[in-house]
């Protein structure tokens, strides 16, 4: 699908296997950049092609391209038992690893990927799009139409004990 932002024309769609190295590069660069201002959120060493390839194979990575380059990526999954174990399966889709290349920050790529994720999840017949984030980022997602549900302590397999803000956006009318 083509989406226009005030600054860019984006082509957004599922990642192809050939995108795997570039997606890994985008994720690793973001992880290193995050470390410069808030400390480690994601281990760049765990975000390589071995991490990306199975998610691409399942069709869960969305990529936003402009002029042939990946400007941003996001994972859209049908379930998330780690961060949302108290919610029944089948009512929502889950957004993870929304990452924008620094060169495209502030140009509407995040909003476009969120809208594409919302359309995908609605196409599954689900009425909610959910995500988890660092509590300090919750206000950013409020600006994209999400509401904060709660904060929850989660034991993550790589990150250990972390507190996340759980966010939710109703889809459709």
C-alpha atoms as a PDB file:
ATOM      1  CA  UNK A   1       0.000   0.000   0.000  1.00  0.00           C
ATOM      2  CA  UNK A   2       1.148   3.528  -0.662  1.00  0.00           C
ATOM      3  CA  UNK A   3       0.885   6.043   2.166  1.00  0.00           C
ATOM      4  CA  UNK A   4       1.691   9.717   1.937  1.00  0.00           C
ATOM      5  CA  UNK A   5       3.129  11.639   4.850  1.00  0.00           C
ATOM      6  CA  UNK A   6       3.716  15.391   4.759  1.00  0.00           C
ATOM      7  CA  UNK A   7       7.347  14.673   3.853  1.00  0.00           C
ATOM      8  CA  UNK A   8       7.499  11.261   2.142  1.00  0.00           C
ATOM      9  CA  UNK A   9       5.787   8.771  -0.123  1.00  0.00           C
ATOM     10  CA  UNK A  10       5.976   5.384   1.576  1.00  0.00           C
ATOM     11  CA  UNK A  11       5.328   1.907   0.278  1.00  0.00           C
ATOM     12  CA  UNK A  12       4.267  -0.263   3.213  1.00  0.00           C
ATOM     13  CA  UNK A  13       3.884  -4.005   3.080  1.00  0.00           C
ATOM     14  CA  UNK A  14       5.104  -7.315   4.397  1.00  0.00           C
ATOM     15  CA  UNK A  15       8.853  -7.864   4.429  1.00  0.00           C
ATOM     16  CA  UNK A  16      10.380 -10.284   1.941  1.00  0.00           C
ATOM     17  CA  UNK A  17      13.170 -12.724   2.845  1.00  0.00           C
ATOM     18  CA  UNK A  18      15.616 -10.528   0.895  1.00  0.00           C
ATOM     19  CA  UNK A  19      14.828  -7.695   3.366  1.00  0.00           C
ATOM     20  CA  UNK A  20      16.199  -9.673   6.323  1.00  0.00           C
ATOM     21  CA  UNK A  21      19.738  -8.186   6.398  1.00  0.00           C
ATOM     22  CA  UNK A  22      18.467  -4.603   6.072  1.00  0.00           C
ATOM     23  CA  UNK A  23      15.810  -5.109   8.758  1.00  0.00           C
ATOM     24  CA  UNK A  24      18.470  -6.501  11.102  1.00  0.00           C
ATOM     25  CA  UNK A  25      20.637  -3.462  10.365  1.00  0.00           C
ATOM     26  CA  UNK A  26      17.737  -1.075  11.127  1.00  0.00           C
ATOM     27  CA  UNK A  27      16.964  -2.845  14.425  1.00  0.00           C
ATOM     28  CA  UNK A  28      20.595  -3.014  15.528  1.00  0.00           C
ATOM     29  CA  UNK A  29      21.209   0.653  14.704  1.00  0.00           C
ATOM     30  CA  UNK A  30      18.127   1.611  16.728  1.00  0.00           C
ATOM     31  CA  UNK A  31      19.259  -0.497  19.683  1.00  0.00           C
ATOM     32  CA  UNK A  32      22.672   1.192  19.655  1.00  0.00           C
ATOM     33  CA  UNK A  33      21.098   4.659  19.357  1.00  0.00           C
ATOM     34  CA  UNK A  34      18.704   4.001  22.264  1.00  0.00           C
ATOM     35  CA  UNK A  35      21.703   3.051  24.431  1.00  0.00           C
ATOM     36  CA  UNK A  36      23.149   6.557  23.899  1.00  0.00           C
ATOM     37  CA  UNK A  37      20.251   8.267  25.668  1.00  0.00           C
ATOM     38  CA  UNK A  38      18.495   5.784  27.959  1.00  0.00           C
ATOM     39  CA  UNK A  39      20.667   2.722  28.411  1.00  0.00           C
ATOM     40  CA  UNK A  40      20.114  -0.736  26.999  1.00  0.00           C
ATOM     41  CA  UNK A  41      16.594  -1.568  25.916  1.00  0.00           C
ATOM     42  CA  UNK A  42      17.425  -4.230  23.323  1.00  0.00           C
ATOM     43  CA  UNK A  43      20.684  -6.117  22.913  1.00  0.00           C
ATOM     44  CA  UNK A  44      21.898  -5.347  19.369  1.00  0.00           C
ATOM     45  CA  UNK A  45      23.590  -8.741  19.248  1.00  0.00           C
ATOM     46  CA  UNK A  46      20.206 -10.458  19.597  1.00  0.00           C
ATOM     47  CA  UNK A  47      18.591  -8.507  16.735  1.00  0.00           C
ATOM     48  CA  UNK A  48      20.509 -10.010  13.843  1.00  0.00           C
ATOM     49  CA  UNK A  49      19.318 -12.017  10.895  1.00  0.00           C
ATOM     50  CA  UNK A  50      18.662 -15.086  13.092  1.00  0.00           C
ATOM     51  CA  UNK A  51      16.098 -13.015  15.012  1.00  0.00           C
ATOM     52  CA  UNK A  52      14.566 -11.380  11.937  1.00  0.00           C
ATOM     53  CA  UNK A  53      14.310 -14.308   9.483  1.00  0.00           C
ATOM     54  CA  UNK A  54      11.642 -16.383  11.276  1.00  0.00           C
ATOM     55  CA  UNK A  55       9.470 -13.309  11.850  1.00  0.00           C
ATOM     56  CA  UNK A  56       9.751 -12.395   8.170  1.00  0.00           C
ATOM     57  CA  UNK A  57       8.909 -16.001   7.236  1.00  0.00           C
ATOM     58  CA  UNK A  58       5.708 -15.796   9.318  1.00  0.00           C
ATOM     59  CA  UNK A  59       4.751 -12.568   7.507  1.00  0.00           C
ATOM     60  CA  UNK A  60       4.801 -10.519  10.724  1.00  0.00           C
ATOM     61  CA  UNK A  61       7.295  -7.795   9.748  1.00  0.00           C
ATOM     62  CA  UNK A  62       5.969  -4.693   8.019  1.00  0.00           C
ATOM     63  CA  UNK A  63       8.425  -2.475   6.180  1.00  0.00           C
ATOM     64  CA  UNK A  64       7.988   1.129   5.109  1.00  0.00           C
ATOM     65  CA  UNK A  65      10.108   2.017   2.094  1.00  0.00           C
ATOM     66  CA  UNK A  66      10.905   5.289   0.449  1.00  0.00           C
ATOM     67  CA  UNK A  67      13.039   5.513  -2.685  1.00  0.00           C
ATOM     68  CA  UNK A  68      14.008   1.856  -2.307  1.00  0.00           C
ATOM     69  CA  UNK A  69      15.331   2.156   1.253  1.00  0.00           C
ATOM     70  CA  UNK A  70      13.651   0.800   4.364  1.00  0.00           C
ATOM     71  CA  UNK A  71      12.662   3.854   6.407  1.00  0.00           C
ATOM     72  CA  UNK A  72      11.006   1.925   9.224  1.00  0.00           C
ATOM     73  CA  UNK A  73       9.842  -1.476  10.400  1.00  0.00           C
ATOM     74  CA  UNK A  74       7.318  -2.963  12.794  1.00  0.00           C
ATOM     75  CA  UNK A  75       6.264  -6.421  13.909  1.00  0.00           C
ATOM     76  CA  UNK A  76       2.525  -7.140  13.950  1.00  0.00           C
ATOM     77  CA  UNK A  77       1.565 -10.363  15.709  1.00  0.00           C
ATOM     78  CA  UNK A  78      -1.769 -12.066  16.361  1.00  0.00           C
ATOM     79  CA  UNK A  79      -1.017 -12.889  20.009  1.00  0.00           C
ATOM     80  CA  UNK A  80       1.254 -11.768  22.855  1.00  0.00           C
ATOM     81  CA  UNK A  81       1.126 -14.013  25.896  1.00  0.00           C
ATOM     82  CA  UNK A  82       4.285 -12.522  27.450  1.00  0.00           C
ATOM     83  CA  UNK A  83       3.068  -8.944  27.876  1.00  0.00           C
ATOM     84  CA  UNK A  84      -0.707  -9.580  27.770  1.00  0.00           C
ATOM     85  CA  UNK A  85      -1.251 -12.953  29.518  1.00  0.00           C
ATOM     86  CA  UNK A  86      -4.502 -11.742  31.077  1.00  0.00           C
ATOM     87  CA  UNK A  87      -6.229 -10.993  27.764  1.00  0.00           C
ATOM     88  CA  UNK A  88      -8.103 -13.599  25.727  1.00  0.00           C
ATOM     89  CA  UNK A  89      -6.686 -14.695  22.382  1.00  0.00           C
ATOM     90  CA  UNK A  90      -8.321 -13.401  19.240  1.00  0.00           C
ATOM     91  CA  UNK A  91      -9.450  -9.949  20.378  1.00  0.00           C
ATOM     92  CA  UNK A  92      -6.379  -7.888  19.418  1.00  0.00           C
ATOM     93  CA  UNK A  93      -3.254  -7.667  17.327  1.00  0.00           C
ATOM     94  CA  UNK A  94       0.067  -6.674  18.882  1.00  0.00           C
ATOM     95  CA  UNK A  95       2.635  -4.149  17.685  1.00  0.00           C
ATOM     96  CA  UNK A  96       6.311  -4.687  18.522  1.00  0.00           C
ATOM     97  CA  UNK A  97       9.677  -3.239  17.507  1.00  0.00           C
ATOM     98  CA  UNK A  98       8.352  -0.105  15.829  1.00  0.00           C
ATOM     99  CA  UNK A  99      11.665   1.311  14.610  1.00  0.00           C
ATOM    100  CA  UNK A 100      12.356   4.249  12.327  1.00  0.00           C
ATOM    101  CA  UNK A 101      15.759   4.969  10.797  1.00  0.00           C
ATOM    102  CA  UNK A 102      17.105   8.172  12.328  1.00  0.00           C
ATOM    103  CA  UNK A 103      17.269   9.809   8.877  1.00  0.00           C
ATOM    104  CA  UNK A 104      13.461   9.505   8.639  1.00  0.00           C
ATOM    105  CA  UNK A 105      12.532  10.448  12.213  1.00  0.00           C
ATOM    106  CA  UNK A 106       9.806  13.062  12.502  1.00  0.00           C
ATOM    107  CA  UNK A 107       8.558  12.524   8.941  1.00  0.00           C
ATOM    108  CA  UNK A 108       5.411  10.510   9.642  1.00  0.00           C
ATOM    109  CA  UNK A 109       6.855   7.021   9.240  1.00  0.00           C
ATOM    110  CA  UNK A 110       5.759   5.904  12.731  1.00  0.00           C
ATOM    111  CA  UNK A 111       2.184   7.037  12.140  1.00  0.00           C
ATOM    112  CA  UNK A 112       2.099   5.358   8.726  1.00  0.00           C
ATOM    113  CA  UNK A 113       3.351   2.039  10.128  1.00  0.00           C
ATOM    114  CA  UNK A 114       0.881   2.209  13.018  1.00  0.00           C
ATOM    115  CA  UNK A 115      -1.971   2.851  10.564  1.00  0.00           C
ATOM    116  CA  UNK A 116      -0.826  -0.039   8.368  1.00  0.00           C
ATOM    117  CA  UNK A 117      -0.668  -2.283  11.452  1.00  0.00           C
ATOM    118  CA  UNK A 118      -4.167  -1.175  12.475  1.00  0.00           C
ATOM    119  CA  UNK A 119      -5.517  -2.022   9.005  1.00  0.00           C
ATOM    120  CA  UNK A 120      -3.858  -5.439   9.117  1.00  0.00           C
ATOM    121  CA  UNK A 121      -5.284  -6.219  12.561  1.00  0.00           C
ATOM    122  CA  UNK A 122      -8.760  -5.002  11.564  1.00  0.00           C
ATOM    123  CA  UNK A 123      -8.481  -7.291   8.540  1.00  0.00           C
ATOM    124  CA  UNK A 124      -8.095 -10.179  10.964  1.00  0.00           C
ATOM    125  CA  UNK A 125     -11.483  -9.222  12.404  1.00  0.00           C
ATOM    126  CA  UNK A 126      -9.988  -7.868  15.626  1.00  0.00           C
ATOM    127  CA  UNK A 127     -11.079  -4.667  17.309  1.00  0.00           C
ATOM    128  CA  UNK A 128      -7.931  -3.663  19.217  1.00  0.00           C
ATOM    129  CA  UNK A 129      -4.292  -2.890  18.508  1.00  0.00           C
ATOM    130  CA  UNK A 130      -2.063  -3.276  21.560  1.00  0.00           C
ATOM    131  CA  UNK A 131       1.562  -2.575  22.370  1.00  0.00           C
ATOM    132  CA  UNK A 132       3.894  -2.394  25.309  1.00  0.00           C
ATOM    133  CA  UNK A 133       6.532   0.280  25.791  1.00  0.00           C
ATOM    134  CA  UNK A 134       8.776   1.917  28.352  1.00  0.00           C
ATOM    135  CA  UNK A 135       6.497   3.935  30.670  1.00  0.00           C
ATOM    136  CA  UNK A 136       8.259   7.159  29.631  1.00  0.00           C
ATOM    137  CA  UNK A 137       7.108   6.585  26.032  1.00  0.00           C
ATOM    138  CA  UNK A 138       3.416   6.122  26.830  1.00  0.00           C
ATOM    139  CA  UNK A 139       2.648   9.776  26.066  1.00  0.00           C
ATOM    140  CA  UNK A 140       4.068   9.338  22.563  1.00  0.00           C
ATOM    141  CA  UNK A 141       1.609   6.542  21.821  1.00  0.00           C
ATOM    142  CA  UNK A 142      -1.293   8.531  23.285  1.00  0.00           C
ATOM    143  CA  UNK A 143      -0.577  10.932  20.413  1.00  0.00           C
ATOM    144  CA  UNK A 144      -1.167   8.021  18.016  1.00  0.00           C
ATOM    145  CA  UNK A 145      -4.597   7.254  19.491  1.00  0.00           C
ATOM    146  CA  UNK A 146      -3.625   4.691  22.137  1.00  0.00           C
ATOM    147  CA  UNK A 147      -4.738   4.787  25.743  1.00  0.00           C
ATOM    148  CA  UNK A 148      -2.692   3.535  28.647  1.00  0.00           C
ATOM    149  CA  UNK A 149      -4.218   0.439  30.225  1.00  0.00           C
ATOM    150  CA  UNK A 150      -1.718  -0.076  33.028  1.00  0.00           C
ATOM    151  CA  UNK A 151       1.910  -0.634  33.941  1.00  0.00           C
ATOM    152  CA  UNK A 152       3.036  -4.185  34.489  1.00  0.00           C
ATOM    153  CA  UNK A 153       6.187  -5.896  35.710  1.00  0.00           C
ATOM    154  CA  UNK A 154       7.205  -8.553  33.175  1.00  0.00           C
ATOM    155  CA  UNK A 155       9.994 -11.102  33.314  1.00  0.00           C
ATOM    156  CA  UNK A 156      11.409 -10.946  29.807  1.00  0.00           C
ATOM    157  CA  UNK A 157      13.615 -13.824  28.594  1.00  0.00           C
ATOM    158  CA  UNK A 158      16.425 -11.490  27.440  1.00  0.00           C
ATOM    159  CA  UNK A 159      15.845  -8.293  29.429  1.00  0.00           C
ATOM    160  CA  UNK A 160      14.971  -9.757  32.827  1.00  0.00           C
ATOM    161  CA  UNK A 161      12.501  -7.907  35.055  1.00  0.00           C
ATOM    162  CA  UNK A 162      11.122  -4.842  33.263  1.00  0.00           C
ATOM    163  CA  UNK A 163       8.191  -2.534  33.841  1.00  0.00           C
ATOM    164  CA  UNK A 164       6.184  -1.723  30.734  1.00  0.00           C
ATOM    165  CA  UNK A 165       3.240   0.513  29.978  1.00  0.00           C
ATOM    166  CA  UNK A 166       0.542  -1.481  28.224  1.00  0.00           C
ATOM    167  CA  UNK A 167      -1.271   0.556  25.579  1.00  0.00           C
ATOM    168  CA  UNK A 168      -4.382  -0.138  23.542  1.00  0.00           C
ATOM    169  CA  UNK A 169      -6.148   1.459  20.579  1.00  0.00           C
ATOM    170  CA  UNK A 170      -9.706   0.651  19.517  1.00  0.00           C
ATOM    171  CA  UNK A 171     -10.043   0.008  15.795  1.00  0.00           C
ATOM    172  CA  UNK A 172     -12.970   1.023  13.615  1.00  0.00           C
ATOM    173  CA  UNK A 173     -15.935   3.154  14.601  1.00  0.00           C
END
